[in-house]
Amino acid sequence: MNSNDSLNLVWLVGILVLVVSALSVRRMSLGFIVRSLALWAVVILVAVVAVAHRHEIGAVFAAANARLGLDEQQVQGKTVRIRMSPDGHFWARVTLNGVERRMLIDSGATITAVSDRTAQAANISVHGGLPAIIETANGSVTARRGTIDELAIGPLKTQGLGVVVAESFGDLDVLGMNFLSRLHSWRVEGNVLILEPKAAADDDGSDATIEPAAAGPNGRRGARQGTAPRNPDTEDDFT
């Protein structure tokens, strides 16, 4: 349980204490108080379990939406299309070393960043070298450097992706420019983010983000087009 979970638990216990106090003031019967306490205990237990397993629950809802055709993330051939969420951001259903997470795609973040919880669940290897000092909107944050063995968004897969890990990230996992820059191209059309693999990607499970052998006329690989998907609230500068 991390600090956020502990805070939620304290908040729920506080509510229970207030309920007990209110019932005592009204001088309810002992049986009524016991039944009320039992009911609130169940409510609190359900809330705690929901908070502790919110990622797994989110994955179940995402799978259900996909079966109903309501998923924001669609795959057309090898191209991934992600509709903008009501909050104005693009959220991707990403698999990290086989563990699924919902991640914010943020072109304002230089490198991919995940929480301690996600790093532990996905068994992401963390290096023992010097930490990274990250300048965020909330000040400087110290993070550990690591490597994601394999990251996938639908058919788009890449290996050996650099990442930073810190408890201060809370529950937010961010997919940064070090992933987007590996793609052949990415762009926004209307309210849809379009991610395309390298031109030479095939069906053998190979890395779909390696630069194609043939460069374009200007010597650069697939250009990024349209408006960049970015989160203005978290334009982090990683140093």
C-alpha atoms as a PDB file:
ATOM      1  CA  MET A   1       0.000   0.000   0.000  1.00  0.00           C
ATOM      2  CA  ASN A   2       1.521   3.355  -1.012  1.00  0.00           C
ATOM      3  CA  SER A   3       1.071   6.760   0.620  1.00  0.00           C
ATOM      4  CA  ASN A   4      -2.032   7.550  -1.449  1.00  0.00           C
ATOM      5  CA  ASP A   5      -3.702   4.283  -0.407  1.00  0.00           C
ATOM      6  CA  SER A   6      -2.867   4.986   3.243  1.00  0.00           C
ATOM      7  CA  LEU A   7      -4.368   8.457   2.984  1.00  0.00           C
ATOM      8  CA  ASN A   8      -7.559   7.031   1.473  1.00  0.00           C
ATOM      9  CA  LEU A   9      -7.784   4.458   4.272  1.00  0.00           C
ATOM     10  CA  VAL A  10      -7.389   7.131   6.943  1.00  0.00           C
ATOM     11  CA  TRP A  11     -10.072   9.200   5.237  1.00  0.00           C
ATOM     12  CA  LEU A  12     -12.493   6.244   5.208  1.00  0.00           C
ATOM     13  CA  VAL A  13     -11.813   5.414   8.858  1.00  0.00           C
ATOM     14  CA  GLY A  14     -12.505   9.045   9.686  1.00  0.00           C
ATOM     15  CA  ILE A  15     -15.895   8.799   7.995  1.00  0.00           C
ATOM     16  CA  LEU A  16     -16.672   5.671  10.026  1.00  0.00           C
ATOM     17  CA  VAL A  17     -15.813   7.496  13.256  1.00  0.00           C
ATOM     18  CA  LEU A  18     -18.120  10.370  12.299  1.00  0.00           C
ATOM     19  CA  VAL A  19     -20.958   7.937  11.569  1.00  0.00           C
ATOM     20  CA  VAL A  20     -20.506   6.209  14.924  1.00  0.00           C
ATOM     21  CA  SER A  21     -20.466   9.571  16.702  1.00  0.00           C
ATOM     22  CA  ALA A  22     -23.660  10.673  14.952  1.00  0.00           C
ATOM     23  CA  LEU A  23     -25.447   7.452  15.853  1.00  0.00           C
ATOM     24  CA  SER A  24     -24.324   7.747  19.479  1.00  0.00           C
ATOM     25  CA  VAL A  25     -25.617  11.308  19.766  1.00  0.00           C
ATOM     26  CA  ARG A  26     -29.018  10.211  18.482  1.00  0.00           C
ATOM     27  CA  ARG A  27     -29.052   7.396  21.119  1.00  0.00           C
ATOM     28  CA  MET A  28     -29.972   4.664  18.706  1.00  0.00           C
ATOM     29  CA  SER A  29     -30.438   1.092  19.927  1.00  0.00           C
ATOM     30  CA  LEU A  30     -27.373  -1.118  20.191  1.00  0.00           C
ATOM     31  CA  GLY A  31     -28.700  -3.467  17.506  1.00  0.00           C
ATOM     32  CA  PHE A  32     -29.234  -0.615  15.050  1.00  0.00           C
ATOM     33  CA  ILE A  33     -25.733   0.730  15.726  1.00  0.00           C
ATOM     34  CA  VAL A  34     -24.179  -2.718  15.169  1.00  0.00           C
ATOM     35  CA  ARG A  35     -26.050  -3.186  11.884  1.00  0.00           C
ATOM     36  CA  SER A  36     -25.050   0.292  10.747  1.00  0.00           C
ATOM     37  CA  LEU A  37     -21.412  -0.346  11.629  1.00  0.00           C
ATOM     38  CA  ALA A  38     -21.476  -3.640   9.752  1.00  0.00           C
ATOM     39  CA  LEU A  39     -22.920  -1.933   6.669  1.00  0.00           C
ATOM     40  CA  TRP A  40     -20.343   0.855   6.745  1.00  0.00           C
ATOM     41  CA  ALA A  41     -17.575  -1.700   7.303  1.00  0.00           C
ATOM     42  CA  VAL A  42     -18.642  -3.466   4.109  1.00  0.00           C
ATOM     43  CA  VAL A  43     -18.742  -0.158   2.210  1.00  0.00           C
ATOM     44  CA  ILE A  44     -15.258   0.762   3.435  1.00  0.00           C
ATOM     45  CA  LEU A  45     -13.900  -2.707   2.625  1.00  0.00           C
ATOM     46  CA  VAL A  46     -15.262  -2.499  -0.918  1.00  0.00           C
ATOM     47  CA  ALA A  47     -13.773   0.984  -1.322  1.00  0.00           C
ATOM     48  CA  VAL A  48     -10.355  -0.137  -0.056  1.00  0.00           C
ATOM     49  CA  VAL A  49     -10.338  -3.170  -2.358  1.00  0.00           C
ATOM     50  CA  ALA A  50     -11.398  -0.996  -5.303  1.00  0.00           C
ATOM     51  CA  VAL A  51      -8.581   1.478  -4.623  1.00  0.00           C
ATOM     52  CA  ALA A  52      -5.990  -1.263  -4.160  1.00  0.00           C
ATOM     53  CA  HIS A  53      -7.002  -3.036  -7.388  1.00  0.00           C
ATOM     54  CA  ARG A  54      -8.012  -0.043  -9.490  1.00  0.00           C
ATOM     55  CA  HIS A  55      -5.589  -0.930 -12.283  1.00  0.00           C
ATOM     56  CA  GLU A  56      -6.973  -4.457 -12.625  1.00  0.00           C
ATOM     57  CA  ILE A  57     -10.552  -3.146 -12.498  1.00  0.00           C
ATOM     58  CA  GLY A  58      -9.702  -0.555 -15.148  1.00  0.00           C
ATOM     59  CA  ALA A  59      -8.301  -3.283 -17.391  1.00  0.00           C
ATOM     60  CA  VAL A  60     -11.538  -5.263 -17.065  1.00  0.00           C
ATOM     61  CA  PHE A  61     -13.636  -2.240 -18.039  1.00  0.00           C
ATOM     62  CA  ALA A  62     -11.295  -1.515 -20.958  1.00  0.00           C
ATOM     63  CA  ALA A  63     -11.689  -5.074 -22.219  1.00  0.00           C
ATOM     64  CA  ALA A  64     -15.474  -4.813 -21.910  1.00  0.00           C
ATOM     65  CA  ASN A  65     -15.502  -1.539 -23.848  1.00  0.00           C
ATOM     66  CA  ALA A  66     -13.390  -3.133 -26.566  1.00  0.00           C
ATOM     67  CA  ARG A  67     -15.885  -5.992 -26.956  1.00  0.00           C
ATOM     68  CA  LEU A  68     -18.746  -3.487 -27.152  1.00  0.00           C
ATOM     69  CA  GLY A  69     -16.944  -1.351 -29.735  1.00  0.00           C
ATOM     70  CA  LEU A  70     -16.702   1.587 -27.316  1.00  0.00           C
ATOM     71  CA  ASP A  71     -12.937   1.478 -26.905  1.00  0.00           C
ATOM     72  CA  GLU A  72     -11.037   4.741 -27.405  1.00  0.00           C
ATOM     73  CA  GLN A  73      -8.108   2.758 -28.800  1.00  0.00           C
ATOM     74  CA  GLN A  74      -8.606   1.096 -32.180  1.00  0.00           C
ATOM     75  CA  VAL A  75      -6.256  -0.949 -34.348  1.00  0.00           C
ATOM     76  CA  GLN A  76      -6.455  -0.778 -38.137  1.00  0.00           C
ATOM     77  CA  GLY A  77      -3.905  -3.098 -39.662  1.00  0.00           C
ATOM     78  CA  LYS A  78      -0.688  -2.078 -37.903  1.00  0.00           C
ATOM     79  CA  THR A  79      -1.840   1.471 -37.211  1.00  0.00           C
ATOM     80  CA  VAL A  80      -3.152   2.426 -33.758  1.00  0.00           C
ATOM     81  CA  ARG A  81      -5.772   5.172 -33.476  1.00  0.00           C
ATOM     82  CA  ILE A  82      -6.610   6.709 -30.106  1.00  0.00           C
ATOM     83  CA  ARG A  83      -9.553   9.045 -29.621  1.00  0.00           C
ATOM     84  CA  MET A  84      -9.113  12.061 -27.364  1.00  0.00           C
ATOM     85  CA  SER A  85     -10.617  11.518 -23.925  1.00  0.00           C
ATOM     86  CA  PRO A  86     -13.165  13.931 -22.460  1.00  0.00           C
ATOM     87  CA  ASP A  87     -10.339  15.425 -20.354  1.00  0.00           C
ATOM     88  CA  GLY A  88      -8.630  16.588 -23.565  1.00  0.00           C
ATOM     89  CA  HIS A  89      -5.742  14.103 -23.370  1.00  0.00           C
ATOM     90  CA  PHE A  90      -4.820  10.895 -25.166  1.00  0.00           C
ATOM     91  CA  TRP A  91      -4.748   7.771 -23.004  1.00  0.00           C
ATOM     92  CA  ALA A  92      -3.303   4.531 -24.363  1.00  0.00           C
ATOM     93  CA  ARG A  93      -3.819   0.963 -23.229  1.00  0.00           C
ATOM     94  CA  VAL A  94      -0.189  -0.120 -22.937  1.00  0.00           C
ATOM     95  CA  THR A  95       1.424  -3.436 -22.042  1.00  0.00           C
ATOM     96  CA  LEU A  96       4.662  -3.207 -20.042  1.00  0.00           C
ATOM     97  CA  ASN A  97       6.489  -6.537 -19.860  1.00  0.00           C
ATOM     98  CA  GLY A  98       3.102  -8.240 -20.191  1.00  0.00           C
ATOM     99  CA  VAL A  99       1.323  -6.051 -17.589  1.00  0.00           C
ATOM    100  CA  GLU A 100      -1.407  -3.753 -18.899  1.00  0.00           C
ATOM    101  CA  ARG A 101      -1.613  -0.132 -17.800  1.00  0.00           C
ATOM    102  CA  ARG A 102      -3.508   2.983 -18.922  1.00  0.00           C
ATOM    103  CA  MET A 103      -0.885   5.593 -19.777  1.00  0.00           C
ATOM    104  CA  LEU A 104      -1.045   9.261 -20.685  1.00  0.00           C
ATOM    105  CA  ILE A 105       0.658  10.048 -24.011  1.00  0.00           C
ATOM    106  CA  ASP A 106       2.547  13.286 -23.398  1.00  0.00           C
ATOM    107  CA  SER A 107       4.859  14.800 -26.009  1.00  0.00           C
ATOM    108  CA  GLY A 108       5.910  17.326 -23.372  1.00  0.00           C
ATOM    109  CA  ALA A 109       7.664  14.541 -21.441  1.00  0.00           C
ATOM    110  CA  THR A 110      11.113  13.726 -22.766  1.00  0.00           C
ATOM    111  CA  ILE A 111      11.161  10.218 -21.334  1.00  0.00           C
ATOM    112  CA  THR A 112       8.591   7.634 -20.297  1.00  0.00           C
ATOM    113  CA  ALA A 113       7.802   7.746 -16.564  1.00  0.00           C
ATOM    114  CA  VAL A 114       6.005   5.227 -14.355  1.00  0.00           C
ATOM    115  CA  SER A 115       5.041   4.932 -10.715  1.00  0.00           C
ATOM    116  CA  ASP A 116       6.702   2.597  -8.232  1.00  0.00           C
ATOM    117  CA  ARG A 117       3.566   0.466  -8.255  1.00  0.00           C
ATOM    118  CA  THR A 118       3.666  -0.017 -12.008  1.00  0.00           C
ATOM    119  CA  ALA A 119       7.410  -0.690 -12.004  1.00  0.00           C
ATOM    120  CA  GLN A 120       6.992  -3.418  -9.399  1.00  0.00           C
ATOM    121  CA  ALA A 121       3.979  -4.990 -11.116  1.00  0.00           C
ATOM    122  CA  ALA A 122       5.730  -5.039 -14.503  1.00  0.00           C
ATOM    123  CA  ASN A 123       9.074  -6.160 -13.046  1.00  0.00           C
ATOM    124  CA  ILE A 124      10.839  -3.199 -14.655  1.00  0.00           C
ATOM    125  CA  SER A 125      14.578  -3.358 -14.054  1.00  0.00           C
ATOM    126  CA  VAL A 126      15.911  -0.276 -12.251  1.00  0.00           C
ATOM    127  CA  HIS A 127      19.551   0.710 -12.657  1.00  0.00           C
ATOM    128  CA  GLY A 128      21.795   1.312  -9.682  1.00  0.00           C
ATOM    129  CA  GLY A 129      23.509   4.400 -11.098  1.00  0.00           C
ATOM    130  CA  LEU A 130      22.989   8.060 -10.384  1.00  0.00           C
ATOM    131  CA  PRO A 131      19.323   9.135 -10.096  1.00  0.00           C
ATOM    132  CA  ALA A 132      17.637  11.447 -12.574  1.00  0.00           C
ATOM    133  CA  ILE A 133      16.648  14.926 -11.413  1.00  0.00           C
ATOM    134  CA  ILE A 134      13.337  15.840 -13.028  1.00  0.00           C
ATOM    135  CA  GLU A 135      11.938  19.352 -13.172  1.00  0.00           C
ATOM    136  CA  THR A 136       8.151  19.233 -13.061  1.00  0.00           C
ATOM    137  CA  ALA A 137       5.404  21.789 -12.591  1.00  0.00           C
ATOM    138  CA  ASN A 138       5.487  20.883  -8.879  1.00  0.00           C
ATOM    139  CA  GLY A 139       9.245  21.275  -8.508  1.00  0.00           C
ATOM    140  CA  SER A 140      12.276  18.981  -8.705  1.00  0.00           C
ATOM    141  CA  VAL A 141      11.756  15.230  -8.354  1.00  0.00           C
ATOM    142  CA  THR A 142      14.412  12.561  -7.886  1.00  0.00           C
ATOM    143  CA  ALA A 143      13.752   9.423  -9.935  1.00  0.00           C
ATOM    144  CA  ARG A 144      15.536   6.157 -10.638  1.00  0.00           C
ATOM    145  CA  ARG A 145      16.464   5.206 -14.163  1.00  0.00           C
ATOM    146  CA  GLY A 146      15.339   1.879 -15.568  1.00  0.00           C
ATOM    147  CA  THR A 147      14.562  -0.106 -18.692  1.00  0.00           C
ATOM    148  CA  ILE A 148      11.318  -1.627 -19.952  1.00  0.00           C
ATOM    149  CA  ASP A 149      12.201  -4.905 -21.665  1.00  0.00           C
ATOM    150  CA  GLU A 150       9.149  -4.768 -23.945  1.00  0.00           C
ATOM    151  CA  LEU A 151       6.428  -2.165 -24.348  1.00  0.00           C
ATOM    152  CA  ALA A 152       3.446  -2.616 -26.651  1.00  0.00           C
ATOM    153  CA  ILE A 153       0.444  -0.586 -27.764  1.00  0.00           C
ATOM    154  CA  GLY A 154      -1.591  -3.082 -29.751  1.00  0.00           C
ATOM    155  CA  PRO A 155       0.656  -4.246 -32.634  1.00  0.00           C
ATOM    156  CA  LEU A 156       3.274  -1.564 -31.929  1.00  0.00           C
ATOM    157  CA  LYS A 157       6.090  -3.100 -29.926  1.00  0.00           C
ATOM    158  CA  THR A 158       9.509  -1.925 -28.855  1.00  0.00           C
ATOM    159  CA  GLN A 159      12.249  -3.313 -26.665  1.00  0.00           C
ATOM    160  CA  GLY A 160      14.738  -1.777 -24.265  1.00  0.00           C
ATOM    161  CA  LEU A 161      12.860   1.481 -23.671  1.00  0.00           C
ATOM    162  CA  GLY A 162      14.356   3.855 -21.108  1.00  0.00           C
ATOM    163  CA  VAL A 163      12.130   4.883 -18.207  1.00  0.00           C
ATOM    164  CA  VAL A 164      12.264   6.803 -14.944  1.00  0.00           C
ATOM    165  CA  VAL A 165      10.559   5.536 -11.785  1.00  0.00           C
ATOM    166  CA  ALA A 166       9.493   7.491  -8.706  1.00  0.00           C
ATOM    167  CA  GLU A 167       6.928   7.183  -5.946  1.00  0.00           C
ATOM    168  CA  SER A 168       6.152  10.891  -6.318  1.00  0.00           C
ATOM    169  CA  PHE A 169       4.547  10.174  -9.712  1.00  0.00           C
ATOM    170  CA  GLY A 170       1.567   8.794  -7.778  1.00  0.00           C
ATOM    171  CA  ASP A 171      -0.677   6.692  -9.993  1.00  0.00           C
ATOM    172  CA  LEU A 172       0.173   8.527 -13.210  1.00  0.00           C
ATOM    173  CA  ASP A 173       2.114   6.621 -15.864  1.00  0.00           C
ATOM    174  CA  VAL A 174       3.323   8.697 -18.816  1.00  0.00           C
ATOM    175  CA  LEU A 175       4.421   7.584 -22.271  1.00  0.00           C
ATOM    176  CA  GLY A 176       6.965  10.132 -23.409  1.00  0.00           C
ATOM    177  CA  MET A 177       8.843  11.252 -26.498  1.00  0.00           C
ATOM    178  CA  ASN A 178      11.484   8.527 -26.229  1.00  0.00           C
ATOM    179  CA  PHE A 179       8.733   6.133 -27.389  1.00  0.00           C
ATOM    180  CA  LEU A 180       7.012   8.421 -29.896  1.00  0.00           C
ATOM    181  CA  SER A 181      10.322   9.271 -31.573  1.00  0.00           C
ATOM    182  CA  ARG A 182      10.901   5.579 -32.302  1.00  0.00           C
ATOM    183  CA  LEU A 183       7.767   5.337 -34.438  1.00  0.00           C
ATOM    184  CA  HIS A 184       7.775   5.795 -38.194  1.00  0.00           C
ATOM    185  CA  SER A 185       5.240   8.594 -37.719  1.00  0.00           C
ATOM    186  CA  TRP A 186       2.656   9.961 -35.327  1.00  0.00           C
ATOM    187  CA  ARG A 187       0.140  12.737 -35.829  1.00  0.00           C
ATOM    188  CA  VAL A 188      -3.208  14.092 -34.711  1.00  0.00           C
ATOM    189  CA  GLU A 189      -6.135  14.331 -37.116  1.00  0.00           C
ATOM    190  CA  GLY A 190      -9.141  16.030 -35.585  1.00  0.00           C
ATOM    191  CA  ASN A 191      -9.431  14.454 -32.148  1.00  0.00           C
ATOM    192  CA  VAL A 192      -7.648  11.209 -33.059  1.00  0.00           C
ATOM    193  CA  LEU A 193      -3.986  10.400 -32.410  1.00  0.00           C
ATOM    194  CA  ILE A 194      -2.544   8.130 -35.102  1.00  0.00           C
ATOM    195  CA  LEU A 195       0.517   5.994 -34.379  1.00  0.00           C
ATOM    196  CA  GLU A 196       2.197   4.208 -37.282  1.00  0.00           C
ATOM    197  CA  PRO A 197       4.987   1.603 -37.177  1.00  0.00           C
ATOM    198  CA  LYS A 198       8.161   1.549 -39.215  1.00  0.00           C
ATOM    199  CA  ALA A 199       7.632   0.874 -42.906  1.00  0.00           C
ATOM    200  CA  ALA A 200       9.495  -2.441 -42.735  1.00  0.00           C
ATOM    201  CA  ALA A 201       7.498  -3.861 -39.795  1.00  0.00           C
ATOM    202  CA  ASP A 202       6.228  -7.384 -40.433  1.00  0.00           C
ATOM    203  CA  ASP A 203       4.124  -9.948 -38.612  1.00  0.00           C
ATOM    204  CA  ASP A 204       6.948 -11.852 -36.930  1.00  0.00           C
ATOM    205  CA  GLY A 205       6.723  -9.883 -33.689  1.00  0.00           C
ATOM    206  CA  SER A 206       9.747  -7.752 -34.486  1.00  0.00           C
ATOM    207  CA  ASP A 207      10.267  -4.257 -33.125  1.00  0.00           C
ATOM    208  CA  ALA A 208       7.796  -1.969 -34.905  1.00  0.00           C
ATOM    209  CA  THR A 209       9.635   1.181 -33.861  1.00  0.00           C
ATOM    210  CA  ILE A 210      13.078   0.642 -35.385  1.00  0.00           C
ATOM    211  CA  GLU A 211      14.044   3.179 -38.017  1.00  0.00           C
ATOM    212  CA  PRO A 212      13.379   1.860 -41.555  1.00  0.00           C
ATOM    213  CA  ALA A 213      16.439   1.148 -43.680  1.00  0.00           C
ATOM    214  CA  ALA A 214      15.449   3.716 -46.303  1.00  0.00           C
ATOM    215  CA  ALA A 215      15.240   7.317 -45.156  1.00  0.00           C
ATOM    216  CA  GLY A 216      13.023   9.941 -46.711  1.00  0.00           C
ATOM    217  CA  PRO A 217      14.145  12.544 -49.238  1.00  0.00           C
ATOM    218  CA  ASN A 218      15.264  14.881 -46.472  1.00  0.00           C
ATOM    219  CA  GLY A 219      17.305  12.197 -44.757  1.00  0.00           C
ATOM    220  CA  ARG A 220      14.881  11.902 -41.854  1.00  0.00           C
ATOM    221  CA  ARG A 221      12.574   9.062 -40.990  1.00  0.00           C
ATOM    222  CA  GLY A 222       8.802   9.356 -40.797  1.00  0.00           C
ATOM    223  CA  ALA A 223       7.861  12.898 -39.932  1.00  0.00           C
ATOM    224  CA  ARG A 224       5.637  13.792 -37.025  1.00  0.00           C
ATOM    225  CA  GLN A 225       2.667  15.636 -38.391  1.00  0.00           C
ATOM    226  CA  GLY A 226      -0.236  17.662 -37.111  1.00  0.00           C
ATOM    227  CA  THR A 227      -0.689  18.877 -33.566  1.00  0.00           C
ATOM    228  CA  ALA A 228       1.408  17.114 -30.941  1.00  0.00           C
ATOM    229  CA  PRO A 229      -0.474  15.250 -28.214  1.00  0.00           C
ATOM    230  CA  ARG A 230       0.670  16.971 -25.092  1.00  0.00           C
ATOM    231  CA  ASN A 231      -0.357  17.577 -21.522  1.00  0.00           C
ATOM    232  CA  PRO A 232       0.298  21.241 -20.696  1.00  0.00           C
ATOM    233  CA  ASP A 233       0.021  20.473 -17.002  1.00  0.00           C
ATOM    234  CA  THR A 234       3.009  18.107 -16.998  1.00  0.00           C
ATOM    235  CA  GLU A 235       5.597  19.490 -19.419  1.00  0.00           C
ATOM    236  CA  ASP A 236       8.507  17.897 -17.653  1.00  0.00           C
ATOM    237  CA  ASP A 237      12.169  18.641 -18.328  1.00  0.00           C
ATOM    238  CA  PHE A 238      14.241  15.519 -17.690  1.00  0.00           C
ATOM    239  CA  THR A 239      17.930  16.078 -17.006  1.00  0.00           C
END
